């Protein structure tokens, strides 16, 4: 759940959302991409879904992670995804870490990127 919206994985692997559209309660623009959903994570105002092909679909407030276009080409083979109030981080199977959302909440890891260890 985000601050004022919910998202759930349906029995057929899709996703359904409801609540405040400004908080991700309206996934209409990405609904056709929400197939074979494995996991959904939320910030206060947006959602990110990991799909079976290990790609990521985001929606909701663009400032808090709902817009991942800046890093979309890096969101491949995603292993895990986590969230703060206003940012997401994805850990990829090759050990790379991808962040997006509000920089002051963890959405920009540029300064520490060299410190990341290679994960399984």
Protein backbone atom coordinates (compact mmCIF):
# COMPACT_ATOMS: atom_id res chain seq x y z
CA UNK A 1 0.00 0.00 0.00
CA UNK A 2 1.05 3.56 -0.63
CA UNK A 3 -0.06 6.44 1.58
CA UNK A 4 -3.60 6.50 0.16
CA UNK A 5 -3.86 3.64 -2.35
CA UNK A 6 -3.58 -0.11 -2.65
CA UNK A 7 -2.24 -2.49 -5.29
CA UNK A 8 -2.78 -6.24 -5.40
CA UNK A 9 -1.70 -9.08 -7.63
CA UNK A 10 -4.67 -10.83 -9.22
CA UNK A 11 -5.12 -14.60 -9.59
CA UNK A 12 -4.05 -14.41 -13.25
CA UNK A 13 -0.82 -12.50 -12.51
CA UNK A 14 -2.12 -9.05 -13.33
CA UNK A 15 -2.53 -6.19 -10.89
CA UNK A 16 -5.45 -4.15 -9.64
CA UNK A 17 -5.20 -0.76 -7.92
CA UNK A 18 -7.59 1.46 -6.03
CA UNK A 19 -7.56 4.58 -3.89
CA UNK A 20 -6.21 8.06 -4.53
CA UNK A 21 -4.99 8.33 -8.15
CA UNK A 22 -2.26 10.77 -7.02
CA UNK A 23 -0.86 7.97 -4.82
CA UNK A 24 -0.86 5.23 -7.46
CA UNK A 25 -4.50 4.25 -7.13
CA UNK A 26 -4.93 4.58 -10.89
CA UNK A 27 -2.71 2.24 -12.94
CA UNK A 28 -4.65 2.69 -16.20
CA UNK A 29 -1.65 4.05 -18.15
CA UNK A 30 0.44 0.94 -17.39
CA UNK A 31 -2.30 -1.66 -17.05
CA UNK A 32 -1.38 -3.36 -20.32
CA UNK A 33 2.17 -3.87 -18.96
CA UNK A 34 1.05 -5.39 -15.67
CA UNK A 35 1.16 -9.04 -16.73
CA UNK A 36 2.90 -11.87 -14.86
CA UNK A 37 3.45 -9.69 -11.79
CA UNK A 38 5.63 -11.32 -9.14
CA UNK A 39 5.92 -8.57 -6.54
CA UNK A 40 4.68 -5.03 -5.88
CA UNK A 41 6.47 -2.49 -3.68
CA UNK A 42 5.26 1.01 -2.72
CA UNK A 43 6.58 4.40 -1.73
CA UNK A 44 4.16 6.87 -0.15
CA UNK A 45 2.86 7.98 -3.55
CA UNK A 46 3.81 5.37 -6.15
CA UNK A 47 4.20 1.67 -6.93
CA UNK A 48 6.74 -0.55 -8.67
CA UNK A 49 5.96 -4.06 -9.92
CA UNK A 50 8.54 -6.73 -10.72
CA UNK A 51 7.37 -8.91 -13.60
CA UNK A 52 8.21 -12.55 -14.36
CA UNK A 53 10.71 -11.44 -17.02
CA UNK A 54 12.45 -9.49 -14.20
CA UNK A 55 11.62 -6.08 -15.65
CA UNK A 56 9.95 -3.32 -13.60
CA UNK A 57 6.80 -1.27 -14.24
CA UNK A 58 6.15 1.89 -12.20
CA UNK A 59 3.20 4.22 -11.74
CA UNK A 60 1.95 6.95 -9.43
CA UNK A 61 3.62 10.23 -8.50
CA UNK A 62 6.64 10.73 -10.76
CA UNK A 63 8.65 12.54 -8.08
CA UNK A 64 8.45 9.62 -5.64
CA UNK A 65 9.39 6.80 -7.99
CA UNK A 66 6.32 6.51 -10.20
CA UNK A 67 8.40 7.44 -13.25
CA UNK A 68 11.38 5.16 -13.84
CA UNK A 69 12.10 6.23 -17.44
CA UNK A 70 15.48 7.68 -16.44
CA UNK A 71 16.69 4.22 -15.33
CA UNK A 72 14.38 1.91 -17.27
CA UNK A 73 17.17 0.53 -19.45
CA UNK A 74 18.98 -0.56 -16.26
CA UNK A 75 15.97 -2.35 -14.78
CA UNK A 76 16.68 -5.79 -16.23
CA UNK A 77 17.05 -9.05 -14.31
CA UNK A 78 15.75 -7.42 -11.15
CA UNK A 79 16.15 -9.69 -8.14
CA UNK A 80 14.62 -7.54 -5.38
CA UNK A 81 13.07 -4.12 -5.04
CA UNK A 82 12.77 -2.00 -1.90
CA UNK A 83 11.30 1.42 -1.11
CA UNK A 84 11.67 4.38 1.19
CA UNK A 85 8.94 6.99 1.58
CA UNK A 86 9.81 8.60 -1.77
CA UNK A 87 12.31 6.40 -3.66
CA UNK A 88 12.94 2.88 -4.92
CA UNK A 89 16.03 0.72 -5.18
CA UNK A 90 16.31 -2.36 -7.34
CA UNK A 91 18.96 -5.01 -6.87
CA UNK A 92 19.68 -6.83 -10.10
CA UNK A 93 20.89 -10.40 -10.40
CA UNK A 94 24.28 -9.22 -11.67
CA UNK A 95 24.79 -7.21 -8.46
CA UNK A 96 24.05 -3.78 -9.87
CA UNK A 97 21.91 -1.44 -7.79
CA UNK A 98 19.50 0.95 -9.50
CA UNK A 99 17.81 3.83 -7.66
CA UNK A 100 15.16 6.36 -8.66
CA UNK A 101 12.75 8.78 -7.02
CA UNK A 102 13.50 11.75 -4.77
CA UNK A 103 17.28 12.05 -4.39
CA UNK A 104 17.11 13.13 -0.75
CA UNK A 105 15.22 9.91 0.09
CA UNK A 106 17.63 7.55 -1.65
CA UNK A 107 16.60 8.02 -5.27
CA UNK A 108 20.13 8.98 -6.34
CA UNK A 109 22.97 6.65 -5.38
CA UNK A 110 25.60 8.25 -7.63
CA UNK A 111 27.90 9.26 -4.75
CA UNK A 112 28.04 5.74 -3.28
CA UNK A 113 27.77 3.59 -6.39
CA UNK A 114 31.44 2.57 -6.14
CA UNK A 115 30.77 1.15 -2.64
CA UNK A 116 28.24 -1.45 -3.70
CA UNK A 117 29.38 -5.04 -3.41
CA UNK A 118 28.55 -7.55 -6.08
CA UNK A 119 25.53 -9.48 -4.81
CA UNK A 120 24.35 -12.92 -5.89
